[in-house]
Amino acid sequence: MIEELPIDYTKLIRDLCMFGIRGNPDHLYIADGENREVNVKLYSDNEVGKHLCLMFDERDTLHNVNALCHLLKNAADILSNTDIENNIIYDQYMSRKELMKASLWMTTM
C-alpha cells in the first residue's frame, strides 16, 4: 500500500483498514523489520521530501509524519525559498519538533 501524505486522518485509517491493517496511525512506527506486523517506509521523489524522510526514525509514527506533512503543505507558500526549506535540504534540523517549531514561528510572523 502506498499513501501520498498528507492525507486526511480518517481517510488514512479507512485506507489502512482496506488493506487489513487495523493499527492506529499513532501506533504504526516508521520501521522496516522482519519482526514487525506492519512495515512503514518513507519515500519521496523531491529533494526536500527526501531529506524530511531522513529526519524520522523508529521512534516516530505514521501520525507524526502525516502531521508534519500537513503543516508543511499548509505553509508551503510561506516557507518556499526560505531558510527553513534550505535548512531541510542541508539537514539542519535535529528533529521534527525543531522543524515544526521553526515552521510555526515563520508562519505566525
N, C-alpha and C. Protein backbone atom coordinates (compact mmCIF):
# COMPACT_ATOMS: atom_id res chain seq x y z
N MET A 1 0.84 -1.17 0.00
CA MET A 1 0.00 0.00 0.00
C MET A 1 0.89 1.24 0.00
N ILE A 2 0.59 2.17 -0.85
CA ILE A 2 1.31 3.44 -0.92
C ILE A 2 0.32 4.56 -0.70
N GLU A 3 0.64 5.45 0.23
CA GLU A 3 -0.21 6.61 0.51
C GLU A 3 0.62 7.86 0.29
N GLU A 4 0.02 8.83 -0.35
CA GLU A 4 0.68 10.12 -0.50
C GLU A 4 0.26 10.99 0.68
N LEU A 5 1.24 11.52 1.37
CA LEU A 5 0.98 12.34 2.54
C LEU A 5 1.16 13.81 2.18
N PRO A 6 0.44 14.70 2.79
CA PRO A 6 -0.50 14.46 3.88
C PRO A 6 -1.83 13.91 3.35
N ILE A 7 -2.51 13.23 4.25
CA ILE A 7 -3.81 12.65 3.95
C ILE A 7 -4.71 12.88 5.15
N ASP A 8 -5.99 13.06 4.91
CA ASP A 8 -6.95 13.21 5.99
C ASP A 8 -6.84 12.00 6.93
N TYR A 9 -6.81 12.26 8.22
CA TYR A 9 -6.61 11.21 9.23
C TYR A 9 -7.64 10.09 9.10
N THR A 10 -8.89 10.46 8.92
CA THR A 10 -9.96 9.45 8.80
C THR A 10 -9.77 8.61 7.54
N LYS A 11 -9.40 9.25 6.44
CA LYS A 11 -9.16 8.51 5.21
C LYS A 11 -7.97 7.57 5.37
N LEU A 12 -6.95 8.00 6.07
CA LEU A 12 -5.79 7.16 6.30
C LEU A 12 -6.18 5.91 7.07
N ILE A 13 -6.98 6.06 8.12
CA ILE A 13 -7.44 4.91 8.89
C ILE A 13 -8.28 3.99 8.02
N ARG A 14 -9.16 4.56 7.22
CA ARG A 14 -10.02 3.77 6.33
C ARG A 14 -9.17 3.01 5.30
N ASP A 15 -8.18 3.67 4.71
CA ASP A 15 -7.31 3.02 3.74
C ASP A 15 -6.51 1.89 4.38
N LEU A 16 -6.02 2.12 5.58
CA LEU A 16 -5.29 1.06 6.29
C LEU A 16 -6.20 -0.15 6.51
N CYS A 17 -7.43 0.10 6.91
CA CYS A 17 -8.39 -0.99 7.14
C CYS A 17 -8.66 -1.76 5.86
N MET A 18 -8.73 -1.06 4.72
CA MET A 18 -8.98 -1.74 3.44
C MET A 18 -7.88 -2.75 3.12
N PHE A 19 -6.69 -2.51 3.63
CA PHE A 19 -5.58 -3.43 3.41
C PHE A 19 -5.37 -4.37 4.59
N GLY A 20 -6.33 -4.43 5.48
CA GLY A 20 -6.27 -5.35 6.60
C GLY A 20 -5.39 -4.89 7.75
N ILE A 21 -5.04 -3.64 7.75
CA ILE A 21 -4.20 -3.09 8.83
C ILE A 21 -5.12 -2.39 9.82
N ARG A 22 -5.24 -2.95 10.99
CA ARG A 22 -6.15 -2.41 12.00
C ARG A 22 -5.46 -1.46 12.96
N GLY A 23 -4.18 -1.24 12.76
CA GLY A 23 -3.43 -0.38 13.65
C GLY A 23 -3.77 1.08 13.49
N ASN A 24 -3.73 1.80 14.58
CA ASN A 24 -3.94 3.23 14.61
C ASN A 24 -2.65 3.90 14.12
N PRO A 25 -2.73 4.92 13.25
CA PRO A 25 -1.52 5.60 12.78
C PRO A 25 -0.65 6.15 13.91
N ASP A 26 -1.24 6.37 15.08
CA ASP A 26 -0.46 6.82 16.24
C ASP A 26 0.45 5.72 16.78
N HIS A 27 0.20 4.48 16.36
CA HIS A 27 0.97 3.34 16.87
C HIS A 27 1.69 2.57 15.77
N LEU A 28 1.67 3.10 14.54
CA LEU A 28 2.40 2.48 13.43
C LEU A 28 3.73 3.22 13.29
N TYR A 29 4.77 2.58 13.78
CA TYR A 29 6.08 3.22 13.82
C TYR A 29 6.80 3.10 12.49
N ILE A 30 7.63 4.11 12.21
CA ILE A 30 8.40 4.14 10.98
C ILE A 30 9.56 3.17 11.15
N ALA A 31 9.38 2.00 10.60
CA ALA A 31 10.41 0.97 10.73
C ALA A 31 10.16 -0.12 9.71
N ASP A 32 11.22 -0.81 9.41
CA ASP A 32 11.17 -1.91 8.46
C ASP A 32 11.95 -3.06 9.09
N GLY A 33 11.24 -4.08 9.50
CA GLY A 33 11.93 -5.18 10.13
C GLY A 33 11.13 -6.46 10.04
N GLU A 34 11.82 -7.56 10.11
CA GLU A 34 11.18 -8.87 9.99
C GLU A 34 10.19 -9.15 11.11
N ASN A 35 10.42 -8.62 12.29
CA ASN A 35 9.58 -8.92 13.44
C ASN A 35 8.37 -8.01 13.56
N ARG A 36 8.18 -7.14 12.61
CA ARG A 36 7.07 -6.19 12.67
C ARG A 36 5.87 -6.71 11.89
N GLU A 37 4.70 -6.49 12.45
CA GLU A 37 3.47 -6.87 11.76
C GLU A 37 3.23 -5.96 10.56
N VAL A 38 3.56 -4.68 10.73
CA VAL A 38 3.40 -3.69 9.65
C VAL A 38 4.71 -2.94 9.50
N ASN A 39 5.24 -2.90 8.29
CA ASN A 39 6.44 -2.14 7.98
C ASN A 39 6.04 -0.83 7.33
N VAL A 40 6.59 0.26 7.83
CA VAL A 40 6.29 1.57 7.28
C VAL A 40 7.60 2.16 6.75
N LYS A 41 7.61 2.44 5.45
CA LYS A 41 8.77 3.04 4.81
C LYS A 41 8.35 4.40 4.25
N LEU A 42 9.27 5.33 4.29
CA LEU A 42 9.01 6.66 3.74
C LEU A 42 9.79 6.82 2.45
N TYR A 43 9.16 7.51 1.49
CA TYR A 43 9.77 7.74 0.19
C TYR A 43 9.33 9.09 -0.33
N SER A 44 10.22 9.74 -1.05
CA SER A 44 9.86 11.00 -1.70
C SER A 44 10.62 11.10 -3.01
N ASP A 45 10.00 11.77 -3.97
CA ASP A 45 10.66 11.95 -5.26
C ASP A 45 11.19 13.37 -5.44
N ASN A 46 11.18 14.17 -4.36
CA ASN A 46 11.77 15.51 -4.47
C ASN A 46 12.81 15.70 -3.37
N GLU A 47 13.67 16.66 -3.56
CA GLU A 47 14.82 16.86 -2.67
C GLU A 47 14.41 17.16 -1.23
N VAL A 48 13.48 18.07 -1.03
CA VAL A 48 13.05 18.41 0.33
C VAL A 48 12.45 17.17 1.00
N GLY A 49 11.58 16.47 0.28
CA GLY A 49 10.95 15.26 0.82
C GLY A 49 11.94 14.19 1.20
N LYS A 50 12.97 14.01 0.40
CA LYS A 50 14.00 13.01 0.71
C LYS A 50 14.69 13.33 2.03
N HIS A 51 14.97 14.61 2.24
CA HIS A 51 15.63 14.99 3.50
C HIS A 51 14.67 14.92 4.68
N LEU A 52 13.39 15.18 4.44
CA LEU A 52 12.40 15.02 5.50
C LEU A 52 12.32 13.55 5.92
N CYS A 53 12.37 12.65 4.96
CA CYS A 53 12.32 11.21 5.26
C CYS A 53 13.46 10.81 6.20
N LEU A 54 14.62 11.41 6.00
CA LEU A 54 15.78 11.09 6.83
C LEU A 54 15.62 11.57 8.27
N MET A 55 14.72 12.52 8.48
CA MET A 55 14.51 13.10 9.80
C MET A 55 13.78 12.15 10.74
N PHE A 56 13.05 11.19 10.19
CA PHE A 56 12.23 10.29 11.00
C PHE A 56 12.97 9.00 11.29
N ASP A 57 12.68 8.42 12.45
CA ASP A 57 13.28 7.13 12.81
C ASP A 57 12.24 6.25 13.49
N GLU A 58 12.68 5.15 14.06
CA GLU A 58 11.76 4.15 14.61
C GLU A 58 10.96 4.65 15.82
N ARG A 59 11.28 5.81 16.34
CA ARG A 59 10.50 6.38 17.44
C ARG A 59 9.32 7.18 16.94
N ASP A 60 9.32 7.51 15.65
CA ASP A 60 8.24 8.30 15.06
C ASP A 60 7.17 7.40 14.49
N THR A 61 5.96 7.93 14.43
CA THR A 61 4.82 7.16 13.93
C THR A 61 4.32 7.73 12.61
N LEU A 62 3.47 6.97 11.96
CA LEU A 62 2.84 7.43 10.73
C LEU A 62 2.06 8.71 10.99
N HIS A 63 1.45 8.80 12.14
CA HIS A 63 0.73 10.03 12.50
C HIS A 63 1.68 11.22 12.58
N ASN A 64 2.86 11.05 13.18
CA ASN A 64 3.84 12.13 13.27
C ASN A 64 4.23 12.65 11.89
N VAL A 65 4.47 11.71 10.98
CA VAL A 65 4.87 12.08 9.62
C VAL A 65 3.74 12.83 8.92
N ASN A 66 2.54 12.29 9.04
CA ASN A 66 1.38 12.90 8.39
C ASN A 66 1.13 14.32 8.94
N ALA A 67 1.25 14.50 10.24
CA ALA A 67 1.03 15.81 10.86
C ALA A 67 2.05 16.84 10.35
N LEU A 68 3.32 16.43 10.26
CA LEU A 68 4.33 17.35 9.76
C LEU A 68 4.08 17.68 8.29
N CYS A 69 3.67 16.69 7.51
CA CYS A 69 3.36 16.93 6.09
C CYS A 69 2.20 17.91 5.94
N HIS A 70 1.18 17.78 6.80
CA HIS A 70 0.06 18.74 6.77
C HIS A 70 0.56 20.15 7.06
N LEU A 71 1.36 20.30 8.09
CA LEU A 71 1.88 21.61 8.45
C LEU A 71 2.68 22.22 7.30
N LEU A 72 3.57 21.44 6.73
CA LEU A 72 4.42 21.97 5.66
C LEU A 72 3.63 22.27 4.39
N LYS A 73 2.64 21.44 4.10
CA LYS A 73 1.83 21.70 2.90
C LYS A 73 1.01 22.98 3.08
N ASN A 74 0.42 23.14 4.26
CA ASN A 74 -0.40 24.33 4.51
C ASN A 74 0.43 25.61 4.53
N ALA A 75 1.70 25.48 4.85
CA ALA A 75 2.57 26.66 4.92
C ALA A 75 3.52 26.75 3.72
N ALA A 76 3.29 25.95 2.70
CA ALA A 76 4.22 25.87 1.56
C ALA A 76 4.49 27.22 0.91
N ASP A 77 3.46 28.03 0.72
CA ASP A 77 3.66 29.33 0.09
C ASP A 77 4.57 30.23 0.92
N ILE A 78 4.44 30.14 2.22
CA ILE A 78 5.23 30.99 3.11
C ILE A 78 6.66 30.45 3.25
N LEU A 79 6.80 29.11 3.27
CA LEU A 79 8.09 28.51 3.58
C LEU A 79 9.00 28.30 2.37
N SER A 80 8.42 28.28 1.15
CA SER A 80 9.28 28.02 0.00
C SER A 80 10.26 29.17 -0.19
N ASN A 81 11.46 28.80 -0.60
CA ASN A 81 12.56 29.76 -0.80
C ASN A 81 12.92 30.52 0.47
N THR A 82 12.83 29.85 1.60
CA THR A 82 13.21 30.45 2.88
C THR A 82 14.36 29.65 3.47
N ASP A 83 14.86 30.15 4.58
CA ASP A 83 15.91 29.41 5.29
C ASP A 83 15.42 28.05 5.74
N ILE A 84 14.13 27.95 6.04
CA ILE A 84 13.59 26.68 6.51
C ILE A 84 13.74 25.62 5.43
N GLU A 85 13.36 25.95 4.20
CA GLU A 85 13.50 25.00 3.11
C GLU A 85 14.96 24.61 2.91
N ASN A 86 15.85 25.60 2.93
CA ASN A 86 17.28 25.32 2.78
C ASN A 86 17.81 24.49 3.95
N ASN A 87 17.34 24.79 5.15
CA ASN A 87 17.78 24.03 6.32
C ASN A 87 17.34 22.57 6.24
N ILE A 88 16.17 22.33 5.65
CA ILE A 88 15.73 20.94 5.46
C ILE A 88 16.68 20.24 4.51
N ILE A 89 16.97 20.87 3.40
CA ILE A 89 17.84 20.25 2.38
C ILE A 89 19.24 19.98 2.93
N TYR A 90 19.72 20.85 3.81
CA TYR A 90 21.06 20.66 4.37
C TYR A 90 21.04 20.00 5.75
N ASP A 91 19.92 19.34 6.07
CA ASP A 91 19.78 18.53 7.28
C ASP A 91 20.16 19.29 8.55
N GLN A 92 19.66 20.53 8.67
CA GLN A 92 19.98 21.37 9.82
C GLN A 92 19.06 21.13 11.02
N TYR A 93 17.93 20.48 10.81
CA TYR A 93 17.01 20.23 11.91
C TYR A 93 17.29 18.86 12.51
N MET A 94 17.41 18.84 13.81
CA MET A 94 17.74 17.60 14.50
C MET A 94 16.51 16.72 14.75
N SER A 95 15.33 17.33 14.67
CA SER A 95 14.11 16.56 14.92
C SER A 95 12.94 17.21 14.22
N ARG A 96 11.86 16.46 14.11
CA ARG A 96 10.64 17.01 13.51
C ARG A 96 10.07 18.12 14.39
N LYS A 97 10.25 17.99 15.70
CA LYS A 97 9.74 19.02 16.62
C LYS A 97 10.46 20.34 16.40
N GLU A 98 11.75 20.29 16.16
CA GLU A 98 12.51 21.50 15.89
C GLU A 98 12.03 22.15 14.58
N LEU A 99 11.80 21.33 13.56
CA LEU A 99 11.29 21.84 12.28
C LEU A 99 9.88 22.42 12.44
N MET A 100 9.03 21.73 13.19
CA MET A 100 7.67 22.23 13.41
C MET A 100 7.70 23.58 14.13
N LYS A 101 8.55 23.70 15.11
CA LYS A 101 8.66 24.95 15.86
C LYS A 101 9.11 26.08 14.94
N ALA A 102 10.12 25.83 14.11
CA ALA A 102 10.61 26.85 13.18
C ALA A 102 9.54 27.22 12.16
N SER A 103 8.81 26.22 11.67
CA SER A 103 7.76 26.46 10.68
C SER A 103 6.62 27.26 11.28
N LEU A 104 6.21 26.91 12.47
CA LEU A 104 5.14 27.64 13.13
C LEU A 104 5.54 29.08 13.41
N TRP A 105 6.79 29.27 13.83
CA TRP A 105 7.28 30.61 14.10
C TRP A 105 7.25 31.45 12.82
N MET A 106 7.68 30.86 11.70
CA MET A 106 7.74 31.57 10.42
C MET A 106 6.34 31.94 9.93
N THR A 107 5.38 31.04 10.15
CA THR A 107 4.03 31.29 9.63
C THR A 107 3.21 32.24 10.50
N THR A 108 3.66 32.50 11.72
CA THR A 108 2.93 33.43 12.59
C THR A 108 3.54 34.82 12.62
N MET A 109 4.61 35.02 11.87
CA MET A 109 5.26 36.34 11.83
C MET A 109 4.40 37.34 11.12
